[in-house]
Structure formats: C-alpha cells, structure tokens
Amino acid sequence: MRFRKLGKTNLRVSVIGLGTYQFGGRWGKAFTQAEASEIVETAKDAGINLIDTAECYGMNQLSENLVGQAIASSRSRWVLATKFGHEKLSPTKNRPAYTAPEMLKQLETSLRALRTDYIDLYQFHSGSNEAFDNDDLWATLEKQQQAGKIRHVGISVSRKSQEWREYQSQEASSVGASTIQVKYNRLERYAEEQVFPECLSQNLGVLARVPLASGLLSGKYQHVSSFDESEARAGKYDTETFARMKSEIDEILKSELPDGVTLAQYALAWSLKHSAVSCVIPGCKNPEQVMMNAAVSDLAILNEAHPQSCS
C-alpha cells in the first residue's frame, strides 16, 4: 500500500481508503456486523488505514456502530474520519444541525457509537454557507481539539452548490480546517476548478469521495438505462446525464483503459493522479471489492503521479 501525507496534518493515509456509506443501508443491502467486520478486516490486511463514515449513514448511527465494533480491537492503527451536521429523522430525511450545541451532542454520540475517545478527522458535513459562518461553532471545535476528542477538523463540501464549495474551500484554513472532502471522479471533475486550487494553495488534504461515480465507473450499469428506484443513487443523475456518462465510459473503455486493469481500478487510479488528492474513499459491498480497490496501489500508472509523496 502507498501512503500520502494528509495535507497540513501529521497523518499519513493510505491512498485507498474505505468509505462506509453503504453500511447505512442505502445501497439496497442491510449489513450484519459480521459482514461489516469482514470488510474492515480485509481492508486492514490490505494496508488500508483510513476509514470514513458519518453520523447520518443509517438510523441511530448505524454505520458508525458497525465501524466502531469492527475496529474496536485495532483502533490505534486507523485514521478514523466521521462527520457532523445532520439529525436523522427517517431513513431518507435529515434535519440540518450545525450549531455548536448540536455539534457537541453529535460528537458525544459518535464517540459512543465508534467506541473510541477521540476522532482523527471530524468533518463539517455538506452544510450551507450560512451554517458555515458561525464563529461559535469553529471555536467550540477548537476547544474539542484541545480536549483531545478531535485531532483534526475537516470540511466535507456539498455536491449541491458551487458557491458553497468555493467559499468553504477558500475559508478552510481561517476556520481551522485541515482537509477537504469532495466528490471527484473521471466523469465529474468540477473539483479541479472549484476546490483543488485552494487545497493546493493552503496545503489541505483531499479525500475524494464517490470516485466510481456511484457505480457507473464500475462498468456495472453500462447495459441499463437507469438506477433502481429503491437505491439512494437513483436520484443523482437524470436520464440525459446518465446516458451522457455511459457514452463517456464507452470512450474510456475504447481509448484509455490499460490492458489488465479493470474500469473501477483505472477510475480510482485516475483520481489519485491529481496532485491535490491524498486519498480516494470508495465504498464496497464485500471483501473481494476491497481487495480489487486496494490493488490499485500497485498499478504502474500511479508512478506518474506524486512520486515524491508515495512510499
């Protein structure tokens, strides 16, 4: 496994991380603790050391609870990232909760669910600029860092608003944030202009989420016209966008994909080649997918990017 420094933090993270949105049940599968633990253990054995979750991935901190139990015996070797800002009202509905008192309540709940007394990276989760511009919130987060409950603060910027992404990236250092999490993949590249220049300028670590474009870059959906309506990803791409992306993938398969490399592996490596990106955080449904993702670290095409920061 290759590792990169996570921006201005003192953390070295595996270039492939483990995203756990799926543990919340929105991928059409309910994970047992045994299944989640097997996925996490496989990731550990493959050298992955960053795991990303959130307070709103499933009812009652479902993802955090599964993660917490899975890493309980090996907590110290993980870079554990989670988020705050959403009160879960139902499986499909959240209420914004970004004030300092709300954050403190979520922090304590997350610490209990994750079975830990500290979080390595605590991230402001897809909030508006109005929620972001709250001096009391950032001062309270700093106090929690001083208390040792949080090691580093980050911002997971919203996919919904270019204005929010740009402003919050620009202001990251001023509020004490050291990292940015943003959607970035071969088909959706807005981060290159709207976020990455600030990340490079401020030395912010970057976690690239949705690196497989909600499964489109796995190749699994090339022969279907839409996602199943029961899946969370169904509302992310309209019919026209879905068709355009599949056409782009056809071209990638014809002209870009190296021999012996799967489309999913190429997509992960492609995102990692950008000089701003520290780590990609794909989700996975089983240990086999974890191993396929981890194998990207061995791909020769990664040698073209950041040779000075890989080991």
C-alpha atoms as a PDB file:
ATOM      1  CA  MET A   1       0.000   0.000   0.000  1.00  0.00           C
ATOM      2  CA  ARG A   2       1.167   3.512  -0.789  1.00  0.00           C
ATOM      3  CA  PHE A   3       0.691   6.373   1.631  1.00  0.00           C
ATOM      4  CA  ARG A   4       0.480  10.153   1.342  1.00  0.00           C
ATOM      5  CA  LYS A   5       0.587  12.912   3.903  1.00  0.00           C
ATOM      6  CA  LEU A   6      -2.888  14.301   4.511  1.00  0.00           C
ATOM      7  CA  GLY A   7      -2.244  17.965   3.794  1.00  0.00           C
ATOM      8  CA  LYS A   8      -1.017  20.006   6.764  1.00  0.00           C
ATOM      9  CA  THR A   9      -1.915  17.296   9.280  1.00  0.00           C
ATOM     10  CA  ASN A  10       0.660  14.888  10.688  1.00  0.00           C
ATOM     11  CA  LEU A  11      -1.332  11.944   9.344  1.00  0.00           C
ATOM     12  CA  ARG A  12      -0.101   9.570   6.647  1.00  0.00           C
ATOM     13  CA  VAL A  13      -3.021   7.900   4.954  1.00  0.00           C
ATOM     14  CA  SER A  14      -3.304   5.022   2.526  1.00  0.00           C
ATOM     15  CA  VAL A  15      -4.074   6.230  -0.990  1.00  0.00           C
ATOM     16  CA  ILE A  16      -7.075   3.901  -0.930  1.00  0.00           C
ATOM     17  CA  GLY A  17      -9.448   4.449   1.965  1.00  0.00           C
ATOM     18  CA  LEU A  18     -12.640   2.692   2.997  1.00  0.00           C
ATOM     19  CA  GLY A  19     -15.923   4.546   2.571  1.00  0.00           C
ATOM     20  CA  THR A  20     -18.814   3.220   4.667  1.00  0.00           C
ATOM     21  CA  TYR A  21     -21.930   4.989   3.378  1.00  0.00           C
ATOM     22  CA  GLN A  22     -23.145   1.548   2.308  1.00  0.00           C
ATOM     23  CA  PHE A  23     -23.230   0.327   5.909  1.00  0.00           C
ATOM     24  CA  GLY A  24     -26.189   2.666   6.470  1.00  0.00           C
ATOM     25  CA  GLY A  25     -28.371   0.515   4.238  1.00  0.00           C
ATOM     26  CA  ARG A  26     -28.978   2.898   1.320  1.00  0.00           C
ATOM     27  CA  TRP A  27     -27.334   0.607  -1.253  1.00  0.00           C
ATOM     28  CA  GLY A  28     -30.223  -1.834  -1.006  1.00  0.00           C
ATOM     29  CA  LYS A  29     -28.377  -4.147   1.391  1.00  0.00           C
ATOM     30  CA  ALA A  30     -28.522  -4.478   5.159  1.00  0.00           C
ATOM     31  CA  PHE A  31     -25.072  -5.342   6.511  1.00  0.00           C
ATOM     32  CA  THR A  32     -24.689  -7.582   9.515  1.00  0.00           C
ATOM     33  CA  GLN A  33     -21.925  -6.864  11.993  1.00  0.00           C
ATOM     34  CA  ALA A  34     -20.093  -9.956  10.786  1.00  0.00           C
ATOM     35  CA  GLU A  35     -20.186  -8.724   7.179  1.00  0.00           C
ATOM     36  CA  ALA A  36     -19.056  -5.217   8.095  1.00  0.00           C
ATOM     37  CA  SER A  37     -16.268  -6.578  10.275  1.00  0.00           C
ATOM     38  CA  GLU A  38     -15.042  -8.853   7.494  1.00  0.00           C
ATOM     39  CA  ILE A  39     -14.862  -5.913   5.094  1.00  0.00           C
ATOM     40  CA  VAL A  40     -12.963  -3.805   7.630  1.00  0.00           C
ATOM     41  CA  GLU A  41     -10.588  -6.646   8.487  1.00  0.00           C
ATOM     42  CA  THR A  42      -9.877  -7.245   4.799  1.00  0.00           C
ATOM     43  CA  ALA A  43      -9.115  -3.540   4.379  1.00  0.00           C
ATOM     44  CA  LYS A  44      -6.746  -3.666   7.361  1.00  0.00           C
ATOM     45  CA  ASP A  45      -4.937  -6.697   5.963  1.00  0.00           C
ATOM     46  CA  ALA A  46      -4.576  -4.903   2.615  1.00  0.00           C
ATOM     47  CA  GLY A  47      -2.836  -1.960   4.290  1.00  0.00           C
ATOM     48  CA  ILE A  48      -5.752   0.488   4.185  1.00  0.00           C
ATOM     49  CA  ASN A  49      -5.652   2.751   7.224  1.00  0.00           C
ATOM     50  CA  LEU A  50      -8.312   5.431   6.608  1.00  0.00           C
ATOM     51  CA  ILE A  51     -11.977   4.727   7.215  1.00  0.00           C
ATOM     52  CA  ASP A  52     -14.666   7.343   6.576  1.00  0.00           C
ATOM     53  CA  THR A  53     -18.177   7.330   7.987  1.00  0.00           C
ATOM     54  CA  ALA A  54     -20.810   9.854   9.151  1.00  0.00           C
ATOM     55  CA  GLU A  55     -23.416  10.437  11.806  1.00  0.00           C
ATOM     56  CA  CYS A  56     -26.252  10.179   9.269  1.00  0.00           C
ATOM     57  CA  TYR A  57     -25.291   6.969   7.474  1.00  0.00           C
ATOM     58  CA  GLY A  58     -28.288   4.966   8.617  1.00  0.00           C
ATOM     59  CA  MET A  59     -30.689   5.390  11.500  1.00  0.00           C
ATOM     60  CA  ASN A  60     -29.272   5.530  15.032  1.00  0.00           C
ATOM     61  CA  GLN A  61     -25.670   5.900  13.835  1.00  0.00           C
ATOM     62  CA  LEU A  62     -25.881   2.521  12.100  1.00  0.00           C
ATOM     63  CA  SER A  63     -22.693   2.889  10.048  1.00  0.00           C
ATOM     64  CA  GLU A  64     -20.757   4.361  12.971  1.00  0.00           C
ATOM     65  CA  ASN A  65     -21.884   1.498  15.217  1.00  0.00           C
ATOM     66  CA  LEU A  66     -20.815  -1.130  12.689  1.00  0.00           C
ATOM     67  CA  VAL A  67     -17.477   0.613  12.174  1.00  0.00           C
ATOM     68  CA  GLY A  68     -16.915   1.098  15.893  1.00  0.00           C
ATOM     69  CA  GLN A  69     -17.318  -2.555  16.706  1.00  0.00           C
ATOM     70  CA  ALA A  70     -15.268  -3.612  13.669  1.00  0.00           C
ATOM     71  CA  ILE A  71     -12.236  -1.507  14.646  1.00  0.00           C
ATOM     72  CA  ALA A  72     -12.505  -1.860  18.427  1.00  0.00           C
ATOM     73  CA  SER A  73      -9.559  -4.254  18.691  1.00  0.00           C
ATOM     74  CA  SER A  74      -7.342  -2.245  16.312  1.00  0.00           C
ATOM     75  CA  ARG A  75      -8.434   1.356  16.895  1.00  0.00           C
ATOM     76  CA  SER A  76      -4.939   2.842  17.115  1.00  0.00           C
ATOM     77  CA  ARG A  77      -3.898   1.767  13.616  1.00  0.00           C
ATOM     78  CA  TRP A  78      -6.852   3.520  11.931  1.00  0.00           C
ATOM     79  CA  VAL A  79      -7.266   7.099  10.782  1.00  0.00           C
ATOM     80  CA  LEU A  80     -10.921   7.425  11.719  1.00  0.00           C
ATOM     81  CA  ALA A  81     -12.959  10.108   9.955  1.00  0.00           C
ATOM     82  CA  THR A  82     -16.577  10.963  10.617  1.00  0.00           C
ATOM     83  CA  LYS A  83     -18.875  13.968  10.184  1.00  0.00           C
ATOM     84  CA  PHE A  84     -21.475  16.164  11.852  1.00  0.00           C
ATOM     85  CA  GLY A  85     -24.341  18.370  10.767  1.00  0.00           C
ATOM     86  CA  HIS A  86     -27.377  16.159  10.180  1.00  0.00           C
ATOM     87  CA  GLU A  87     -30.019  14.967  12.607  1.00  0.00           C
ATOM     88  CA  LYS A  88     -31.514  11.781  11.201  1.00  0.00           C
ATOM     89  CA  LEU A  89     -35.332  11.991  11.106  1.00  0.00           C
ATOM     90  CA  SER A  90     -36.043   8.991   8.878  1.00  0.00           C
ATOM     91  CA  PRO A  91     -34.074   6.698   6.537  1.00  0.00           C
ATOM     92  CA  THR A  92     -34.385   9.322   3.791  1.00  0.00           C
ATOM     93  CA  LYS A  93     -34.736  12.619   5.654  1.00  0.00           C
ATOM     94  CA  ASN A  94     -32.274  14.682   7.710  1.00  0.00           C
ATOM     95  CA  ARG A  95     -32.558  17.946   9.596  1.00  0.00           C
ATOM     96  CA  PRO A  96     -29.635  20.417   9.476  1.00  0.00           C
ATOM     97  CA  ALA A  97     -27.845  20.504  12.844  1.00  0.00           C
ATOM     98  CA  TYR A  98     -24.702  22.663  12.672  1.00  0.00           C
ATOM     99  CA  THR A  99     -24.804  24.863  15.769  1.00  0.00           C
ATOM    100  CA  ALA A 100     -22.143  24.424  18.435  1.00  0.00           C
ATOM    101  CA  PRO A 101     -24.513  22.738  20.946  1.00  0.00           C
ATOM    102  CA  GLU A 102     -25.824  20.410  18.218  1.00  0.00           C
ATOM    103  CA  MET A 103     -22.286  19.549  17.147  1.00  0.00           C
ATOM    104  CA  LEU A 104     -21.276  18.745  20.732  1.00  0.00           C
ATOM    105  CA  LYS A 105     -24.256  16.427  21.115  1.00  0.00           C
ATOM    106  CA  GLN A 106     -23.403  14.669  17.845  1.00  0.00           C
ATOM    107  CA  LEU A 107     -19.743  14.399  18.813  1.00  0.00           C
ATOM    108  CA  GLU A 108     -20.544  12.582  22.045  1.00  0.00           C
ATOM    109  CA  THR A 109     -22.998  10.293  20.250  1.00  0.00           C
ATOM    110  CA  SER A 110     -20.426   9.493  17.570  1.00  0.00           C
ATOM    111  CA  LEU A 111     -17.710   8.779  20.138  1.00  0.00           C
ATOM    112  CA  ARG A 112     -20.009   6.288  21.851  1.00  0.00           C
ATOM    113  CA  ALA A 113     -21.065   4.643  18.594  1.00  0.00           C
ATOM    114  CA  LEU A 114     -17.473   4.402  17.381  1.00  0.00           C
ATOM    115  CA  ARG A 115     -16.290   3.033  20.752  1.00  0.00           C
ATOM    116  CA  THR A 116     -13.431   5.498  20.943  1.00  0.00           C
ATOM    117  CA  ASP A 117     -12.396   8.527  22.968  1.00  0.00           C
ATOM    118  CA  TYR A 118     -11.061  10.513  20.007  1.00  0.00           C
ATOM    119  CA  ILE A 119     -11.794  11.085  16.321  1.00  0.00           C
ATOM    120  CA  ASP A 120      -8.874  11.652  13.965  1.00  0.00           C
ATOM    121  CA  LEU A 121     -10.814  13.782  11.472  1.00  0.00           C
ATOM    122  CA  TYR A 122     -14.134  15.429  12.316  1.00  0.00           C
ATOM    123  CA  GLN A 123     -15.799  16.989   9.271  1.00  0.00           C
ATOM    124  CA  PHE A 124     -18.411  19.711   8.753  1.00  0.00           C
ATOM    125  CA  HIS A 125     -20.839  17.773   6.577  1.00  0.00           C
ATOM    126  CA  SER A 126     -22.292  19.373   3.426  1.00  0.00           C
ATOM    127  CA  GLY A 127     -23.656  22.468   5.106  1.00  0.00           C
ATOM    128  CA  SER A 128     -24.645  25.834   3.680  1.00  0.00           C
ATOM    129  CA  ASN A 129     -22.519  28.951   3.889  1.00  0.00           C
ATOM    130  CA  GLU A 130     -24.953  30.298   6.471  1.00  0.00           C
ATOM    131  CA  ALA A 131     -24.283  27.273   8.694  1.00  0.00           C
ATOM    132  CA  PHE A 132     -20.559  27.544   7.972  1.00  0.00           C
ATOM    133  CA  ASP A 133     -20.276  31.202   9.013  1.00  0.00           C
ATOM    134  CA  ASN A 134     -20.585  30.521  12.731  1.00  0.00           C
ATOM    135  CA  ASP A 135     -17.613  31.598  14.842  1.00  0.00           C
ATOM    136  CA  ASP A 136     -19.013  29.825  17.896  1.00  0.00           C
ATOM    137  CA  LEU A 137     -19.046  26.504  16.030  1.00  0.00           C
ATOM    138  CA  TRP A 138     -15.400  26.704  14.975  1.00  0.00           C
ATOM    139  CA  ALA A 139     -14.268  27.981  18.380  1.00  0.00           C
ATOM    140  CA  THR A 140     -16.055  25.058  20.034  1.00  0.00           C
ATOM    141  CA  LEU A 141     -14.449  22.604  17.631  1.00  0.00           C
ATOM    142  CA  GLU A 142     -11.053  24.066  18.519  1.00  0.00           C
ATOM    143  CA  LYS A 143     -11.806  23.532  22.218  1.00  0.00           C
ATOM    144  CA  GLN A 144     -12.646  19.899  21.482  1.00  0.00           C
ATOM    145  CA  GLN A 145      -9.296  19.560  19.733  1.00  0.00           C
ATOM    146  CA  GLN A 146      -7.578  20.986  22.789  1.00  0.00           C
ATOM    147  CA  ALA A 147      -9.502  18.492  24.939  1.00  0.00           C
ATOM    148  CA  GLY A 148      -8.217  15.648  22.770  1.00  0.00           C
ATOM    149  CA  LYS A 149     -11.579  14.452  21.480  1.00  0.00           C
ATOM    150  CA  ILE A 150     -10.781  15.612  17.937  1.00  0.00           C
ATOM    151  CA  ARG A 151      -7.346  15.515  16.327  1.00  0.00           C
ATOM    152  CA  HIS A 152      -8.127  17.433  13.128  1.00  0.00           C
ATOM    153  CA  VAL A 153     -11.091  19.297  11.651  1.00  0.00           C
ATOM    154  CA  GLY A 154     -12.158  18.988   8.031  1.00  0.00           C
ATOM    155  CA  ILE A 155     -14.882  20.107   5.645  1.00  0.00           C
ATOM    156  CA  SER A 156     -16.932  17.748   3.505  1.00  0.00           C
ATOM    157  CA  VAL A 157     -18.212  20.162   0.868  1.00  0.00           C
ATOM    158  CA  SER A 158     -21.654  19.836  -0.661  1.00  0.00           C
ATOM    159  CA  ARG A 159     -22.225  18.454  -4.128  1.00  0.00           C
ATOM    160  CA  LYS A 160     -25.302  20.687  -4.446  1.00  0.00           C
ATOM    161  CA  SER A 161     -23.794  24.184  -4.581  1.00  0.00           C
ATOM    162  CA  GLN A 162     -20.762  25.540  -6.410  1.00  0.00           C
ATOM    163  CA  GLU A 163     -20.969  28.694  -4.284  1.00  0.00           C
ATOM    164  CA  TRP A 164     -20.730  26.658  -1.055  1.00  0.00           C
ATOM    165  CA  ARG A 165     -17.825  24.572  -2.358  1.00  0.00           C
ATOM    166  CA  GLU A 166     -15.795  27.551  -3.477  1.00  0.00           C
ATOM    167  CA  TYR A 167     -16.409  29.693  -0.394  1.00  0.00           C
ATOM    168  CA  GLN A 168     -15.812  26.959   2.155  1.00  0.00           C
ATOM    169  CA  SER A 169     -12.633  25.824   0.412  1.00  0.00           C
ATOM    170  CA  GLN A 170     -11.355  29.403   0.396  1.00  0.00           C
ATOM    171  CA  GLU A 171     -12.121  29.820   4.107  1.00  0.00           C
ATOM    172  CA  ALA A 172     -10.919  26.399   5.277  1.00  0.00           C
ATOM    173  CA  SER A 173      -7.682  27.478   6.930  1.00  0.00           C
ATOM    174  CA  SER A 174      -9.274  30.508   8.540  1.00  0.00           C
ATOM    175  CA  VAL A 175     -11.695  28.286  10.480  1.00  0.00           C
ATOM    176  CA  GLY A 176      -9.007  25.772  11.425  1.00  0.00           C
ATOM    177  CA  ALA A 177      -9.846  23.057   8.899  1.00  0.00           C
ATOM    178  CA  SER A 178      -7.004  20.940   7.521  1.00  0.00           C
ATOM    179  CA  THR A 179      -8.833  18.816   4.933  1.00  0.00           C
ATOM    180  CA  ILE A 180     -11.493  18.932   2.265  1.00  0.00           C
ATOM    181  CA  GLN A 181     -13.682  16.042   1.213  1.00  0.00           C
ATOM    182  CA  VAL A 182     -15.227  16.465  -2.234  1.00  0.00           C
ATOM    183  CA  LYS A 183     -16.869  14.435  -4.958  1.00  0.00           C
ATOM    184  CA  TYR A 184     -14.319  13.774  -7.695  1.00  0.00           C
ATOM    185  CA  ASN A 185     -14.123  11.192 -10.435  1.00  0.00           C
ATOM    186  CA  ARG A 186     -13.341  10.774 -14.126  1.00  0.00           C
ATOM    187  CA  LEU A 187     -16.881  11.814 -15.087  1.00  0.00           C
ATOM    188  CA  GLU A 188     -17.421  14.621 -12.552  1.00  0.00           C
ATOM    189  CA  ARG A 189     -14.469  16.985 -12.455  1.00  0.00           C
ATOM    190  CA  TYR A 190     -15.830  20.255 -11.057  1.00  0.00           C
ATOM    191  CA  ALA A 191     -13.440  20.000  -8.089  1.00  0.00           C
ATOM    192  CA  GLU A 192     -10.486  20.699 -10.388  1.00  0.00           C
ATOM    193  CA  GLU A 193     -11.609  24.314 -10.826  1.00  0.00           C
ATOM    194  CA  GLN A 194     -13.842  24.928  -7.809  1.00  0.00           C
ATOM    195  CA  VAL A 195     -11.905  23.297  -4.951  1.00  0.00           C
ATOM    196  CA  PHE A 196      -8.442  21.945  -5.751  1.00  0.00           C
ATOM    197  CA  PRO A 197      -6.652  25.266  -6.382  1.00  0.00           C
ATOM    198  CA  GLU A 198      -7.427  26.329  -2.801  1.00  0.00           C
ATOM    199  CA  CYS A 199      -6.435  22.918  -1.457  1.00  0.00           C
ATOM    200  CA  LEU A 200      -3.031  23.192  -3.125  1.00  0.00           C
ATOM    201  CA  SER A 201      -2.577  26.797  -2.030  1.00  0.00           C
ATOM    202  CA  GLN A 202      -3.475  26.098   1.614  1.00  0.00           C
ATOM    203  CA  ASN A 203      -1.927  22.603   1.803  1.00  0.00           C
ATOM    204  CA  LEU A 204      -5.281  21.000   2.579  1.00  0.00           C
ATOM    205  CA  GLY A 205      -5.531  17.227   2.470  1.00  0.00           C
ATOM    206  CA  VAL A 206      -8.136  15.969  -0.001  1.00  0.00           C
ATOM    207  CA  LEU A 207     -10.394  12.947   0.385  1.00  0.00           C
ATOM    208  CA  ALA A 208     -12.009  12.194  -2.985  1.00  0.00           C
ATOM    209  CA  ARG A 209     -15.434  10.683  -2.448  1.00  0.00           C
ATOM    210  CA  VAL A 210     -17.646   8.896  -4.999  1.00  0.00           C
ATOM    211  CA  PRO A 211     -14.569   8.046  -7.109  1.00  0.00           C
ATOM    212  CA  LEU A 212     -16.593   5.435  -9.035  1.00  0.00           C
ATOM    213  CA  ALA A 213     -19.439   7.857  -9.855  1.00  0.00           C
ATOM    214  CA  SER A 214     -21.988   5.951  -7.766  1.00  0.00           C
ATOM    215  CA  GLY A 215     -21.066   2.724  -9.530  1.00  0.00           C
ATOM    216  CA  LEU A 216     -21.090   3.999 -13.106  1.00  0.00           C
ATOM    217  CA  LEU A 217     -17.322   3.633 -13.299  1.00  0.00           C
ATOM    218  CA  SER A 218     -17.520   0.039 -12.131  1.00  0.00           C
ATOM    219  CA  GLY A 219     -18.953  -0.831 -15.548  1.00  0.00           C
ATOM    220  CA  LYS A 220     -21.919  -2.483 -13.876  1.00  0.00           C
ATOM    221  CA  TYR A 221     -24.505  -0.115 -15.350  1.00  0.00           C
ATOM    222  CA  GLN A 222     -23.415   0.097 -18.986  1.00  0.00           C
ATOM    223  CA  HIS A 223     -26.351  -2.004 -20.135  1.00  0.00           C
ATOM    224  CA  VAL A 224     -29.132  -0.418 -18.084  1.00  0.00           C
ATOM    225  CA  SER A 225     -30.994   2.843 -18.655  1.00  0.00           C
ATOM    226  CA  SER A 226     -31.320   3.967 -15.025  1.00  0.00           C
ATOM    227  CA  PHE A 227     -30.596   3.009 -11.433  1.00  0.00           C
ATOM    228  CA  ASP A 228     -33.161   1.007  -9.489  1.00  0.00           C
ATOM    229  CA  GLU A 229     -35.548   3.496  -7.864  1.00  0.00           C
ATOM    230  CA  SER A 230     -35.030   1.854  -4.454  1.00  0.00           C
ATOM    231  CA  GLU A 231     -31.360   2.883  -4.410  1.00  0.00           C
ATOM    232  CA  ALA A 232     -30.125   6.189  -2.995  1.00  0.00           C
ATOM    233  CA  ARG A 233     -28.118   6.789  -6.173  1.00  0.00           C
ATOM    234  CA  ALA A 234     -31.279   6.751  -8.317  1.00  0.00           C
ATOM    235  CA  GLY A 235     -31.934  10.481  -7.877  1.00  0.00           C
ATOM    236  CA  LYS A 236     -28.379  11.645  -8.540  1.00  0.00           C
ATOM    237  CA  TYR A 237     -28.386  11.510 -12.340  1.00  0.00           C
ATOM    238  CA  ASP A 238     -31.254  12.367 -14.663  1.00  0.00           C
ATOM    239  CA  THR A 239     -31.822  10.283 -17.794  1.00  0.00           C
ATOM    240  CA  GLU A 240     -29.861  12.636 -20.057  1.00  0.00           C
ATOM    241  CA  THR A 241     -26.875  12.830 -17.698  1.00  0.00           C
ATOM    242  CA  PHE A 242     -26.931   9.073 -17.179  1.00  0.00           C
ATOM    243  CA  ALA A 243     -26.834   8.475 -20.946  1.00  0.00           C
ATOM    244  CA  ARG A 244     -24.034  11.022 -21.457  1.00  0.00           C
ATOM    245  CA  MET A 245     -21.920   9.451 -18.768  1.00  0.00           C
ATOM    246  CA  LYS A 246     -22.369   5.973 -20.205  1.00  0.00           C
ATOM    247  CA  SER A 247     -21.260   7.325 -23.582  1.00  0.00           C
ATOM    248  CA  GLU A 248     -18.146   8.789 -21.954  1.00  0.00           C
ATOM    249  CA  ILE A 249     -17.427   5.442 -20.353  1.00  0.00           C
ATOM    250  CA  ASP A 250     -17.634   3.751 -23.733  1.00  0.00           C
ATOM    251  CA  GLU A 251     -14.893   6.083 -24.942  1.00  0.00           C
ATOM    252  CA  ILE A 252     -12.793   5.409 -21.839  1.00  0.00           C
ATOM    253  CA  LEU A 253     -13.084   1.675 -22.461  1.00  0.00           C
ATOM    254  CA  LYS A 254     -12.025   2.130 -26.083  1.00  0.00           C
ATOM    255  CA  SER A 255      -9.198   4.634 -25.753  1.00  0.00           C
ATOM    256  CA  GLU A 256      -7.961   4.964 -22.143  1.00  0.00           C
ATOM    257  CA  LEU A 257      -8.226   1.712 -20.235  1.00  0.00           C
ATOM    258  CA  PRO A 258      -4.819  -0.004 -19.906  1.00  0.00           C
ATOM    259  CA  ASP A 259      -4.545  -3.729 -20.547  1.00  0.00           C
ATOM    260  CA  GLY A 260      -5.099  -5.889 -17.493  1.00  0.00           C
ATOM    261  CA  VAL A 261      -6.763  -3.112 -15.463  1.00  0.00           C
ATOM    262  CA  THR A 262     -10.461  -3.059 -14.611  1.00  0.00           C
ATOM    263  CA  LEU A 263     -12.525   0.056 -15.250  1.00  0.00           C
ATOM    264  CA  ALA A 264     -13.021   0.532 -11.499  1.00  0.00           C
ATOM    265  CA  GLN A 265      -9.297   0.285 -10.787  1.00  0.00           C
ATOM    266  CA  TYR A 266      -8.497   2.706 -13.595  1.00  0.00           C
ATOM    267  CA  ALA A 267     -11.067   5.178 -12.212  1.00  0.00           C
ATOM    268  CA  LEU A 268      -9.516   5.096  -8.739  1.00  0.00           C
ATOM    269  CA  ALA A 269      -6.006   5.498 -10.141  1.00  0.00           C
ATOM    270  CA  TRP A 270      -7.171   8.331 -12.398  1.00  0.00           C
ATOM    271  CA  SER A 271      -8.461  10.326  -9.405  1.00  0.00           C
ATOM    272  CA  LEU A 272      -5.261   9.695  -7.469  1.00  0.00           C
ATOM    273  CA  LYS A 273      -3.149  11.146 -10.264  1.00  0.00           C
ATOM    274  CA  HIS A 274      -4.331  14.672  -9.464  1.00  0.00           C
ATOM    275  CA  SER A 275      -1.715  16.482  -7.402  1.00  0.00           C
ATOM    276  CA  ALA A 276      -4.284  17.672  -4.841  1.00  0.00           C
ATOM    277  CA  VAL A 277      -5.719  14.258  -3.954  1.00  0.00           C
ATOM    278  CA  SER A 278      -4.461  12.474  -0.850  1.00  0.00           C
ATOM    279  CA  CYS A 279      -6.826   9.512  -0.746  1.00  0.00           C
ATOM    280  CA  VAL A 280      -9.857   8.100  -2.562  1.00  0.00           C
ATOM    281  CA  ILE A 281     -12.619   6.589  -0.427  1.00  0.00           C
ATOM    282  CA  PRO A 282     -14.681   4.102  -2.443  1.00  0.00           C
ATOM    283  CA  GLY A 283     -17.383   2.075  -0.763  1.00  0.00           C
ATOM    284  CA  CYS A 284     -17.636  -1.666  -1.217  1.00  0.00           C
ATOM    285  CA  LYS A 285     -20.139  -4.455  -0.618  1.00  0.00           C
ATOM    286  CA  ASN A 286     -17.795  -7.354   0.074  1.00  0.00           C
ATOM    287  CA  PRO A 287     -14.154  -8.259   0.805  1.00  0.00           C
ATOM    288  CA  GLU A 288     -13.486  -9.026  -2.869  1.00  0.00           C
ATOM    289  CA  GLN A 289     -14.244  -5.431  -3.805  1.00  0.00           C
ATOM    290  CA  VAL A 290     -11.953  -4.229  -1.027  1.00  0.00           C
ATOM    291  CA  MET A 291      -9.088  -6.263  -2.472  1.00  0.00           C
ATOM    292  CA  MET A 292      -9.776  -5.023  -6.001  1.00  0.00           C
ATOM    293  CA  ASN A 293      -9.676  -1.434  -4.728  1.00  0.00           C
ATOM    294  CA  ALA A 294      -6.515  -1.975  -2.684  1.00  0.00           C
ATOM    295  CA  ALA A 295      -4.722  -3.470  -5.696  1.00  0.00           C
ATOM    296  CA  VAL A 296      -4.808  -0.030  -7.325  1.00  0.00           C
ATOM    297  CA  SER A 297      -1.855   0.883  -5.126  1.00  0.00           C
ATOM    298  CA  ASP A 298       0.299  -1.452  -7.236  1.00  0.00           C
ATOM    299  CA  LEU A 299      -0.678  -0.052 -10.626  1.00  0.00           C
ATOM    300  CA  ALA A 300       2.211   1.280 -12.680  1.00  0.00           C
ATOM    301  CA  ILE A 301       0.210   4.298 -13.827  1.00  0.00           C
ATOM    302  CA  LEU A 302       0.329   5.655 -10.274  1.00  0.00           C
ATOM    303  CA  ASN A 303       4.076   6.093 -10.648  1.00  0.00           C
ATOM    304  CA  GLU A 304       3.318   9.017 -12.934  1.00  0.00           C
ATOM    305  CA  ALA A 305       1.708  10.950 -10.082  1.00  0.00           C
ATOM    306  CA  HIS A 306       3.219  12.275  -6.853  1.00  0.00           C
ATOM    307  CA  PRO A 307       6.318  10.001  -6.791  1.00  0.00           C
ATOM    308  CA  GLN A 308       7.722  12.198  -4.029  1.00  0.00           C
ATOM    309  CA  SER A 309       4.742  11.552  -1.754  1.00  0.00           C
ATOM    310  CA  CYS A 310       4.355   7.806  -2.212  1.00  0.00           C
ATOM    311  CA  SER A 311       6.131   5.068  -0.303  1.00  0.00           C
END
